[in-house]
């Protein structure tokens, strides 16, 4: 007997829509870890997490390399993954406006992602006329101006470099997060982004240290966003912030650290939304990282805090889809937070 129509549709949505499972490893070398056609910041985006050799850094807070291959996956396998995604999304390719390419590491690290595969994939995207932007996730140290210009010319698209900045605090970056990326190195990479005419999307962590109070987490995240704005604006680099509420990723060194903190509390979603709203009000494009990517239990995420409700989560989801603030707005003089915005922020804190 067939399922009632509403149950059938609900099942399809959970399996193939935004709630689809994200934390599992790819079943074969010719399949990606994950892909999703989504409405993202007001645009039709196709996000792809390619299955390649795992990231060489394995930061203390990140469990993503655990599911990636220890072995090299050659060009033919990576290209087969892209073909598979295109086949699965063939009825929607005509409406796509951006394509996001990641591999749970750095797509410009040629020891993990075959360079020729990236060249062919980005060049092929030229055939999609509505796509105006390609988002490429990487650590900035792997960027070279000539390579970025080559990909931009071959694809005919605007490039947006997606990277994990996390925090401006050097001690937190090294001792707690294990980034192995000093700020000076990040800024050298930002110079490359600017010289190549690319945009930047940067992850900022909310409560990167489990010993932080909610108030300390707010102040640290705000300072990190302001730091990125200052340095991107000085270089003329359009900036978007992804504000990520920290979660406890199973099996990581950061998780072990959190377990030793008495009465550890994840961030509050209301704080993340309020800070994003405040920064948007000033002209900085901010969206929310609402998923734990299948790498954490719910009681170790913002869902465990006393403020969490489905209504609040929906508010965050709606924010991510509205495209309210452009990445180029922050190149203009910032609007100072007015009394109402400041009051809202304090009230939510």
Protein backbone atom coordinates (compact mmCIF):
# COMPACT_ATOMS: atom_id res chain seq x y z
CA UNK A 1 0.00 0.00 0.00
CA UNK A 2 1.40 3.42 -0.95
CA UNK A 3 2.07 6.09 1.67
CA UNK A 4 -0.35 8.98 2.11
CA UNK A 5 0.78 11.88 -0.06
CA UNK A 6 1.82 14.12 2.84
CA UNK A 7 3.99 11.37 4.36
CA UNK A 8 5.51 10.64 0.96
CA UNK A 9 6.38 14.30 0.42
CA UNK A 10 7.71 14.69 3.95
CA UNK A 11 9.98 11.70 3.46
CA UNK A 12 11.35 13.12 0.22
CA UNK A 13 12.02 16.46 1.91
CA UNK A 14 13.91 14.85 4.80
CA UNK A 15 15.94 12.64 2.47
CA UNK A 16 16.75 15.05 -0.35
CA UNK A 17 16.04 18.54 1.06
CA UNK A 18 17.94 20.66 3.61
CA UNK A 19 17.50 18.11 6.46
CA UNK A 20 19.33 15.40 4.45
CA UNK A 21 22.12 13.55 6.24
CA UNK A 22 25.45 15.37 6.00
CA UNK A 23 27.94 13.59 8.24
CA UNK A 24 28.34 10.28 6.40
CA UNK A 25 31.29 9.27 4.23
CA UNK A 26 30.87 8.85 0.49
CA UNK A 27 30.09 5.22 -0.49
CA UNK A 28 32.68 5.15 -3.30
CA UNK A 29 35.46 7.21 -4.85
CA UNK A 30 33.17 8.32 -7.69
CA UNK A 31 30.57 9.76 -5.32
CA UNK A 32 30.79 13.00 -3.28
CA UNK A 33 30.24 13.16 0.46
CA UNK A 34 27.29 15.51 0.07
CA UNK A 35 25.48 17.82 -2.33
CA UNK A 36 22.42 20.01 -2.03
CA UNK A 37 20.52 22.42 -4.26
CA UNK A 38 19.37 25.14 -1.88
CA UNK A 39 18.05 28.68 -1.65
CA UNK A 40 21.03 30.37 -0.08
CA UNK A 41 21.20 34.07 0.77
CA UNK A 42 18.49 34.68 -1.79
CA UNK A 43 20.28 32.74 -4.56
CA UNK A 44 19.90 29.28 -6.08
CA UNK A 45 23.08 27.51 -4.94
CA UNK A 46 24.41 24.03 -5.66
CA UNK A 47 26.71 23.04 -2.78
CA UNK A 48 29.08 20.09 -3.32
CA UNK A 49 31.39 18.44 -0.77
CA UNK A 50 33.79 16.43 -2.90
CA UNK A 51 35.29 13.16 -1.71
CA UNK A 52 39.08 13.61 -1.86
CA UNK A 53 42.12 12.81 0.25
CA UNK A 54 41.62 14.19 3.74
CA UNK A 55 42.80 17.60 4.90
CA UNK A 56 46.40 17.53 6.10
CA UNK A 57 45.80 19.90 9.05
CA UNK A 58 43.08 18.23 11.14
CA UNK A 59 42.46 21.16 13.48
CA UNK A 60 41.62 20.36 17.10
CA UNK A 61 37.93 21.32 16.77
CA UNK A 62 37.23 19.74 13.38
CA UNK A 63 35.96 16.19 12.81
CA UNK A 64 35.48 16.55 9.04
CA UNK A 65 38.78 14.81 8.08
CA UNK A 66 37.68 11.66 9.92
CA UNK A 67 35.28 10.74 7.12
CA UNK A 68 37.61 11.59 4.24
CA UNK A 69 39.88 9.19 2.41
CA UNK A 70 43.42 8.48 3.57
CA UNK A 71 44.29 7.68 -0.03
CA UNK A 72 44.63 9.89 -3.10
CA UNK A 73 41.50 10.04 -5.25
CA UNK A 74 42.59 10.77 -8.82
CA UNK A 75 41.20 13.27 -11.27
CA UNK A 76 38.93 10.72 -12.94
CA UNK A 77 37.18 9.98 -9.63
CA UNK A 78 36.63 13.64 -8.75
CA UNK A 79 35.27 14.39 -12.23
CA UNK A 80 32.93 11.40 -11.91
CA UNK A 81 31.62 12.88 -8.65
CA UNK A 82 30.82 16.14 -10.42
CA UNK A 83 29.07 14.33 -13.27
CA UNK A 84 26.99 12.41 -10.71
CA UNK A 85 25.88 15.64 -9.00
CA UNK A 86 24.95 17.20 -12.34
CA UNK A 87 22.91 14.15 -13.31
CA UNK A 88 21.09 14.18 -9.99
CA UNK A 89 20.30 17.90 -10.39
CA UNK A 90 19.76 17.96 -14.15
CA UNK A 91 16.24 19.39 -13.92
CA UNK A 92 17.47 22.36 -11.88
CA UNK A 93 20.73 23.33 -13.60
CA UNK A 94 18.97 26.04 -15.59
CA UNK A 95 18.08 28.03 -12.46
CA UNK A 96 21.41 27.79 -10.61
CA UNK A 97 23.00 31.14 -9.73
CA UNK A 98 26.05 29.97 -7.80
CA UNK A 99 28.01 26.76 -7.24
CA UNK A 100 29.92 26.06 -4.01
CA UNK A 101 32.88 23.67 -4.22
CA UNK A 102 34.48 22.18 -1.10
CA UNK A 103 36.23 18.99 0.03
CA UNK A 104 36.21 19.22 3.84
CA UNK A 105 39.61 20.92 3.51
CA UNK A 106 41.20 23.08 0.82
CA UNK A 107 40.33 22.67 -2.85
CA UNK A 108 43.52 24.57 -3.76
CA UNK A 109 45.70 22.09 -1.84
CA UNK A 110 46.98 20.07 -4.79
CA UNK A 111 48.07 17.22 -2.50
CA UNK A 112 44.40 16.52 -1.75
CA UNK A 113 42.35 17.89 -4.69
CA UNK A 114 43.62 17.19 -8.24
CA UNK A 115 44.42 20.55 -9.83
CA UNK A 116 43.32 19.52 -13.32
CA UNK A 117 39.98 18.32 -11.97
CA UNK A 118 39.35 21.74 -10.42
CA UNK A 119 40.32 23.40 -13.70
CA UNK A 120 37.91 21.25 -15.70
CA UNK A 121 35.04 21.58 -13.23
CA UNK A 122 35.24 25.36 -13.02
CA UNK A 123 35.68 25.73 -16.79
CA UNK A 124 32.62 23.57 -17.42
CA UNK A 125 30.51 25.88 -15.25
CA UNK A 126 30.90 28.50 -17.99
CA UNK A 127 28.12 26.60 -19.80
CA UNK A 128 25.62 27.58 -17.08
CA UNK A 129 24.64 31.13 -18.06
CA UNK A 130 22.69 32.04 -14.89
CA UNK A 131 25.58 31.10 -12.58
CA UNK A 132 27.43 34.29 -11.69
CA UNK A 133 29.61 33.08 -8.83
CA UNK A 134 31.76 30.06 -7.90
CA UNK A 135 32.52 29.62 -4.20
CA UNK A 136 35.78 27.76 -3.47
CA UNK A 137 36.65 26.62 0.07
CA UNK A 138 40.32 26.68 1.04
CA UNK A 139 42.92 27.86 3.50
CA UNK A 140 44.37 31.09 2.17
CA UNK A 141 47.96 29.85 2.19
CA UNK A 142 47.26 27.73 -0.90
CA UNK A 143 46.14 30.67 -3.03
CA UNK A 144 48.17 32.10 -5.90
CA UNK A 145 47.11 35.13 -7.93
CA UNK A 146 47.88 33.50 -11.28
CA UNK A 147 45.87 30.38 -10.44
CA UNK A 148 42.85 32.39 -9.31
CA UNK A 149 42.97 34.50 -12.45
CA UNK A 150 43.22 31.34 -14.56
CA UNK A 151 40.08 29.88 -12.98
CA UNK A 152 38.18 33.16 -13.19
CA UNK A 153 39.05 33.52 -16.87
CA UNK A 154 38.26 29.89 -17.68
CA UNK A 155 34.89 29.94 -15.94
CA UNK A 156 33.87 33.49 -16.72
CA UNK A 157 32.48 33.73 -13.17
CA UNK A 158 33.15 35.80 -10.06
CA UNK A 159 35.17 33.81 -7.51
CA UNK A 160 34.31 33.83 -3.80
CA UNK A 161 36.95 32.32 -1.50
CA UNK A 162 35.41 30.54 1.49
CA UNK A 163 37.75 30.09 4.44
CA UNK A 164 37.80 29.37 8.15
CA UNK A 165 39.03 32.47 9.98
CA UNK A 166 37.43 31.37 13.28
CA UNK A 167 38.88 34.03 15.64
CA UNK A 168 41.35 36.91 15.75
CA UNK A 169 42.76 35.73 19.10
CA UNK A 170 46.18 34.23 18.33
CA UNK A 171 46.19 32.15 21.52
CA UNK A 172 42.79 30.63 20.78
CA UNK A 173 43.75 30.00 17.16
CA UNK A 174 46.78 27.92 18.14
CA UNK A 175 46.34 26.54 21.66
CA UNK A 176 42.59 25.81 21.57
CA UNK A 177 41.77 25.38 17.86
CA UNK A 178 45.10 24.20 16.44
CA UNK A 179 44.71 26.25 13.25
CA UNK A 180 48.44 26.51 12.50
CA UNK A 181 47.69 29.73 10.64
CA UNK A 182 49.05 32.90 12.28
CA UNK A 183 47.21 36.12 11.54
CA UNK A 184 50.15 37.39 9.50
CA UNK A 185 49.79 34.39 7.19
CA UNK A 186 46.05 34.94 6.89
CA UNK A 187 46.60 38.57 5.91
CA UNK A 188 49.16 37.59 3.27
CA UNK A 189 46.52 35.29 1.81
CA UNK A 190 43.99 38.11 1.94
CA UNK A 191 46.38 40.19 -0.16
CA UNK A 192 46.22 37.44 -2.80
CA UNK A 193 42.41 37.42 -2.67
CA UNK A 194 42.43 41.17 -3.26
CA UNK A 195 45.00 41.08 -6.07
CA UNK A 196 42.98 38.44 -7.93
CA UNK A 197 39.73 40.39 -7.61
CA UNK A 198 37.97 37.73 -5.52
CA UNK A 199 35.38 38.04 -2.78
CA UNK A 200 35.80 36.49 0.68
CA UNK A 201 33.42 34.49 2.84
CA UNK A 202 34.87 33.78 6.29
CA UNK A 203 33.77 31.51 9.11
CA UNK A 204 33.74 33.11 12.57
CA UNK A 205 33.18 30.86 15.59
CA UNK A 206 30.84 31.93 18.39
CA UNK A 207 32.33 30.64 21.67
CA UNK A 208 35.52 29.02 20.27
CA UNK A 209 36.74 28.19 23.78
CA UNK A 210 34.47 26.03 25.98
CA UNK A 211 35.46 28.00 29.09
CA UNK A 212 33.99 31.23 27.69
CA UNK A 213 30.90 32.83 29.17
CA UNK A 214 28.10 33.92 26.84
CA UNK A 215 29.21 37.54 27.27
CA UNK A 216 32.83 36.73 26.44
CA UNK A 217 31.72 34.76 23.39
CA UNK A 218 29.71 37.71 22.09
CA UNK A 219 32.59 40.17 22.56
CA UNK A 220 35.12 37.86 20.92
CA UNK A 221 32.92 37.09 17.89
CA UNK A 222 32.09 40.77 17.40
CA UNK A 223 35.77 41.71 17.55
CA UNK A 224 36.61 39.01 14.99
CA UNK A 225 33.92 40.25 12.59
CA UNK A 226 35.11 43.85 12.98
CA UNK A 227 38.71 42.75 12.33
CA UNK A 228 37.73 41.01 9.11
CA UNK A 229 35.68 44.00 8.00
CA UNK A 230 38.57 46.39 8.63
CA UNK A 231 41.14 44.35 6.69
CA UNK A 232 38.82 43.41 3.82
CA UNK A 233 37.53 46.97 3.41
CA UNK A 234 41.09 48.31 3.36
CA UNK A 235 41.84 45.96 0.44
CA UNK A 236 38.53 46.45 -1.37
CA UNK A 237 37.52 42.81 -0.83
CA UNK A 238 33.74 42.20 -0.60
CA UNK A 239 33.11 40.26 2.63
CA UNK A 240 30.48 37.83 3.86
CA UNK A 241 30.59 36.35 7.38
CA UNK A 242 29.31 32.92 8.31
CA UNK A 243 28.74 33.07 12.07
CA UNK A 244 29.08 29.54 13.41
CA UNK A 245 27.79 28.63 16.88
CA UNK A 246 30.39 26.23 18.24
CA UNK A 247 29.34 22.61 18.72
CA UNK A 248 31.17 19.67 20.27
CA UNK A 249 32.37 17.53 17.36
CA UNK A 250 32.68 13.91 18.46
CA UNK A 251 36.21 12.51 18.70
CA UNK A 252 38.07 15.82 18.51
CA UNK A 253 40.62 17.26 20.91
CA UNK A 254 38.28 20.21 21.38
CA UNK A 255 35.55 17.81 22.53
CA UNK A 256 37.92 16.36 25.13
CA UNK A 257 38.62 19.88 26.35
CA UNK A 258 34.90 20.66 26.60
CA UNK A 259 34.24 17.47 28.56
CA UNK A 260 36.62 18.69 31.27
CA UNK A 261 34.73 21.97 31.68
CA UNK A 262 32.24 21.74 34.53
CA UNK A 263 28.72 22.63 33.37
CA UNK A 264 29.86 23.37 29.81
CA UNK A 265 27.22 25.28 27.86
CA UNK A 266 27.11 25.65 24.06
CA UNK A 267 26.28 29.08 22.62
CA UNK A 268 22.75 30.48 22.70
CA UNK A 269 21.07 30.76 19.32
CA UNK A 270 19.39 33.99 20.40
CA UNK A 271 22.84 35.54 20.89
CA UNK A 272 24.03 34.43 17.45
CA UNK A 273 20.92 35.83 15.76
CA UNK A 274 21.13 39.12 17.69
CA UNK A 275 24.79 39.64 16.80
CA UNK A 276 24.10 38.83 13.15
CA UNK A 277 21.22 41.32 13.11
CA UNK A 278 23.39 44.00 14.70
CA UNK A 279 26.17 43.55 12.15
CA UNK A 280 23.71 43.43 9.26
CA UNK A 281 22.31 46.71 10.52
CA UNK A 282 25.82 48.16 10.16
CA UNK A 283 26.11 46.93 6.57
CA UNK A 284 28.12 43.71 7.05
CA UNK A 285 26.73 40.62 5.32
CA UNK A 286 26.29 37.88 7.95
CA UNK A 287 24.58 34.52 7.77
CA UNK A 288 24.30 31.72 10.32
CA UNK A 289 25.88 28.28 10.38
CA UNK A 290 22.89 26.41 11.77
CA UNK A 291 24.01 22.83 11.14
CA UNK A 292 26.41 20.66 13.13
CA UNK A 293 27.02 18.69 9.91
CA UNK A 294 26.04 15.41 11.54
CA UNK A 295 29.15 15.54 13.73
CA UNK A 296 27.64 16.36 17.13
CA UNK A 297 24.86 15.20 19.42
CA UNK A 298 22.01 17.70 19.83
CA UNK A 299 22.71 18.13 23.54
CA UNK A 300 26.17 19.47 22.63
CA UNK A 301 24.86 22.19 20.32
CA UNK A 302 22.82 25.41 20.68
CA UNK A 303 19.70 23.21 20.74
CA UNK A 304 20.51 22.28 24.34
CA UNK A 305 20.30 25.85 25.66
CA UNK A 306 17.31 27.24 27.52
CA UNK A 307 16.49 29.82 24.83
CA UNK A 308 16.11 27.32 21.97
CA UNK A 309 12.73 26.98 20.28
CA UNK A 310 11.62 25.88 16.83
CA UNK A 311 10.39 29.41 16.25
CA UNK A 312 13.84 30.81 16.98
CA UNK A 313 15.43 28.29 14.62
CA UNK A 314 12.97 29.24 11.89
CA UNK A 315 13.95 32.88 12.39
CA UNK A 316 17.57 31.93 11.70
CA UNK A 317 16.62 29.89 8.64
CA UNK A 318 14.62 32.79 7.23
CA UNK A 319 17.60 35.12 7.80
CA UNK A 320 19.81 32.81 5.75
CA UNK A 321 17.42 32.87 2.82
CA UNK A 322 16.63 36.55 2.58
CA UNK A 323 19.75 37.91 0.87
CA UNK A 324 19.16 41.12 2.82
CA UNK A 325 22.74 42.41 2.87
CA UNK A 326 25.21 42.27 -0.04
CA UNK A 327 28.87 41.38 0.49
CA UNK A 328 29.73 44.71 -1.16
CA UNK A 329 27.76 46.82 1.32
CA UNK A 330 30.56 46.70 3.86
CA UNK A 331 32.85 48.57 1.43
CA UNK A 332 30.70 51.63 2.09
CA UNK A 333 30.90 53.61 5.36
CA UNK A 334 29.36 51.40 8.02
CA UNK A 335 26.13 52.44 9.68
CA UNK A 336 26.51 52.80 13.42
CA UNK A 337 24.17 50.60 15.40
CA UNK A 338 21.25 52.77 16.47
CA UNK A 339 19.74 52.72 19.92
CA UNK A 340 17.04 50.27 18.91
CA UNK A 341 19.54 47.82 17.41
CA UNK A 342 21.82 48.09 20.42
CA UNK A 343 18.90 47.62 22.75
CA UNK A 344 17.80 44.50 20.90
CA UNK A 345 21.30 43.09 21.11
CA UNK A 346 21.56 43.72 24.83
CA UNK A 347 18.09 42.35 25.44
CA UNK A 348 18.98 39.11 23.65
CA UNK A 349 22.19 38.82 25.58
